[in-house]
Protein backbone atom coordinates (compact mmCIF):
# COMPACT_ATOMS: atom_id res chain seq x y z
CA MET A 1 -31.49 -34.77 17.67
CA LYS A 2 -30.78 -38.19 19.14
CA ARG A 3 -32.15 -39.90 16.05
CA ILE A 4 -29.99 -37.82 13.72
CA LEU A 5 -26.96 -38.64 15.84
CA LEU A 6 -27.89 -42.33 15.82
CA ILE A 7 -28.24 -42.28 12.06
CA ALA A 8 -24.82 -40.65 11.74
CA LEU A 9 -23.30 -43.29 14.02
CA ILE A 10 -24.98 -46.06 12.04
CA SER A 11 -23.60 -44.59 8.85
CA VAL A 12 -20.06 -44.56 10.25
CA ALA A 13 -20.40 -48.05 11.70
CA THR A 14 -21.79 -49.58 8.53
CA HIS A 15 -19.15 -47.87 6.44
CA SER A 16 -16.44 -49.27 8.70
CA TYR A 17 -17.84 -52.73 9.39
CA GLY A 18 -20.28 -53.45 6.58
CA TRP A 19 -24.06 -53.50 6.31
CA SER A 20 -26.20 -55.96 8.24
CA SER A 21 -29.85 -56.89 8.56
CA GLU A 22 -29.79 -55.58 12.14
CA VAL A 23 -28.90 -52.13 10.79
CA ASP A 24 -31.80 -52.32 8.29
CA THR A 25 -34.20 -53.24 11.09
CA PHE A 26 -32.88 -50.52 13.40
CA ILE A 27 -33.22 -47.84 10.71
CA GLN A 28 -36.73 -48.96 9.78
CA GLU A 29 -37.82 -48.81 13.42
CA ASN A 30 -36.05 -45.61 14.51
CA ALA A 31 -35.13 -43.36 11.61
CA MET A 32 -37.29 -40.66 10.09
CA PRO A 33 -36.89 -38.36 7.08
CA ALA A 34 -35.10 -35.12 7.90
CA GLY A 35 -38.24 -33.07 7.22
CA GLU A 36 -40.27 -35.21 9.61
CA TYR A 37 -37.89 -34.36 12.43
CA GLN A 38 -38.93 -30.70 12.41
CA TRP A 39 -42.62 -31.61 12.73
CA GLU A 40 -41.81 -33.86 15.65
CA MET A 41 -39.97 -30.96 17.31
CA PHE A 42 -42.94 -28.63 16.71
CA ARG A 43 -45.27 -31.14 18.38
CA GLU A 44 -42.79 -31.80 21.21
CA VAL A 45 -42.57 -28.15 22.32
CA ALA A 46 -46.37 -27.93 22.60
CA LYS A 47 -47.15 -31.42 23.91
CA ASN A 48 -48.29 -30.32 27.35
CA SER A 49 -50.74 -27.68 26.14
CA LYS A 50 -52.60 -29.81 23.56
CA ARG A 51 -52.53 -26.73 21.33
CA PRO A 52 -50.37 -25.83 18.36
CA PRO A 53 -46.96 -24.43 19.27
CA THR A 54 -46.85 -20.73 20.16
CA ILE A 55 -45.01 -18.23 18.00
CA ASP A 56 -42.25 -18.09 20.61
CA GLN A 57 -41.92 -21.90 20.66
CA LEU A 58 -41.82 -22.04 16.86
CA SER A 59 -39.14 -19.32 16.77
CA LYS A 60 -36.97 -21.29 19.20
CA VAL A 61 -37.32 -24.51 17.18
CA TYR A 62 -36.58 -22.58 13.99
CA LYS A 63 -33.36 -21.14 15.44
CA LYS A 64 -32.24 -24.54 16.69
CA LEU A 65 -32.95 -26.38 13.43
CA ASN A 66 -31.80 -23.62 11.10
CA ALA A 67 -28.41 -23.49 12.83
CA SER A 68 -27.77 -27.06 11.66
CA PHE A 69 -28.14 -26.26 7.94
CA ASN A 70 -25.25 -25.06 5.83
CA PRO A 71 -26.82 -22.52 3.45
CA ASP A 72 -23.76 -22.76 1.19
CA THR A 73 -24.81 -26.23 0.06
CA ILE A 74 -27.80 -27.00 -2.13
CA TRP A 75 -29.29 -29.39 0.44
CA GLY A 76 -28.75 -26.94 3.28
CA GLY A 77 -30.29 -24.08 1.31
CA VAL A 78 -33.35 -26.14 0.38
CA MET A 79 -33.81 -27.40 3.93
CA ALA A 80 -33.43 -23.88 5.39
CA SER A 81 -35.91 -22.48 2.87
CA SER A 82 -38.42 -25.26 3.53
CA LEU A 83 -38.04 -24.84 7.29
CA GLU A 84 -38.61 -21.10 7.05
CA ARG A 85 -41.76 -21.63 4.98
CA ASP A 86 -43.10 -24.31 7.34
CA VAL A 87 -42.45 -22.21 10.45
CA SER A 88 -44.00 -19.11 8.85
CA CYS A 89 -47.07 -21.13 7.89
CA MET A 90 -47.37 -22.54 11.41
CA LYS A 91 -47.00 -19.06 12.92
CA VAL A 92 -49.84 -17.76 10.76
CA THR A 93 -52.23 -20.73 10.73
CA GLY A 94 -51.20 -23.09 13.54
CA ASP A 95 -52.43 -25.88 11.26
CA GLU A 96 -49.84 -28.63 10.90
CA GLY A 97 -51.84 -30.55 8.29
CA LEU A 98 -52.22 -27.54 6.01
CA CYS A 99 -48.60 -26.46 6.44
CA ARG A 100 -47.29 -29.97 5.77
CA CYS A 101 -49.43 -30.23 2.65
CA LEU A 102 -48.19 -26.89 1.34
CA GLY A 103 -44.61 -27.79 2.21
CA ASP A 104 -44.86 -31.12 0.41
CA GLU A 105 -46.49 -29.75 -2.74
CA LEU A 106 -45.10 -26.26 -3.34
CA PRO A 107 -41.68 -25.64 -4.91
CA ALA A 108 -38.95 -25.35 -2.27
CA TYR A 109 -37.94 -21.86 -3.43
CA LEU A 110 -41.42 -20.39 -2.84
CA THR A 111 -41.52 -18.56 0.48
CA PHE A 112 -44.66 -18.45 2.59
CA ARG A 113 -44.82 -14.69 2.03
CA SER A 114 -44.79 -15.26 -1.74
CA TYR A 115 -47.43 -17.97 -1.34
CA VAL A 116 -49.70 -15.52 0.50
CA LYS A 117 -49.13 -12.84 -2.14
CA ILE A 118 -50.05 -15.28 -4.91
CA VAL A 119 -53.22 -16.63 -3.31
CA THR A 120 -54.44 -13.16 -2.29
CA GLY A 121 -53.88 -11.77 -5.78
CA ALA A 122 -51.18 -9.26 -4.86
CA ARG A 123 -49.64 -7.51 -7.84
CA ASP A 124 -46.20 -6.87 -6.33
CA LEU A 125 -44.74 -10.31 -7.06
CA ASN A 126 -40.99 -10.25 -7.51
CA PHE A 127 -39.76 -13.33 -9.34
CA SER A 128 -36.72 -11.93 -11.09
CA GLY A 129 -35.07 -14.46 -13.34
CA PHE A 130 -38.40 -16.05 -14.24
CA THR A 131 -40.06 -15.65 -17.62
CA ALA A 132 -43.69 -14.55 -17.85
CA VAL A 133 -44.68 -18.11 -18.75
CA GLU A 134 -42.82 -19.52 -15.71
CA ILE A 135 -44.48 -16.99 -13.41
CA LYS A 136 -47.91 -17.87 -14.82
CA GLN A 137 -47.18 -21.58 -14.27
CA LEU A 138 -46.01 -20.91 -10.71
CA ILE A 139 -49.15 -18.93 -9.93
CA GLU A 140 -51.39 -21.64 -11.40
CA ARG A 141 -49.53 -24.38 -9.52
CA THR A 142 -49.66 -22.45 -6.25
CA ILE A 143 -53.41 -21.84 -6.49
CA TYR A 144 -53.99 -25.49 -7.44
CA VAL A 145 -51.94 -26.70 -4.45
CA ARG A 146 -53.78 -24.32 -2.12
CA GLU A 147 -57.14 -25.66 -3.29
CA GLN A 148 -56.01 -29.27 -2.86
CA CYS A 149 -54.53 -28.72 0.61
CA VAL A 150 -57.57 -26.81 1.86
CA ALA A 151 -59.90 -29.49 0.44
CA VAL A 152 -57.95 -32.23 2.24
CA GLN A 153 -58.04 -30.28 5.51
CA ASN A 154 -61.80 -29.73 5.25
CA LYS A 155 -62.37 -33.49 4.85
CA MET A 156 -60.78 -34.20 8.24
């Protein structure tokens, strides 16, 4: 949270006083993408146990982060959806590498529950508003991403 606050302060300061090379250097050394912040929080809550975060710890981080997103905006909706998928994946697998890979490669609107239904061959998919061709493409993409992410994890 401190880094987000610092970035906000930098933004205000640079808007008011102009950009400088010191600001560039500070951002390069201290800032992180918004999505990276959640992974840092997941690791932080479990740092003493040297294990993946527990379901309870993940739920607490989810509540804290999700409260900061405005679901009425496109960005807020996408971030909330991505966070929910990442937390659900971590609750099920506890595997940060796999969950990050899936989160990076799958469409933002695909929930973890829908991902599981697709890869397990469930027939009760509900993608209203999608054409049959779009659903077929989504299924193919999801299976391809799953295979790539699992292959990467097995190389480690």
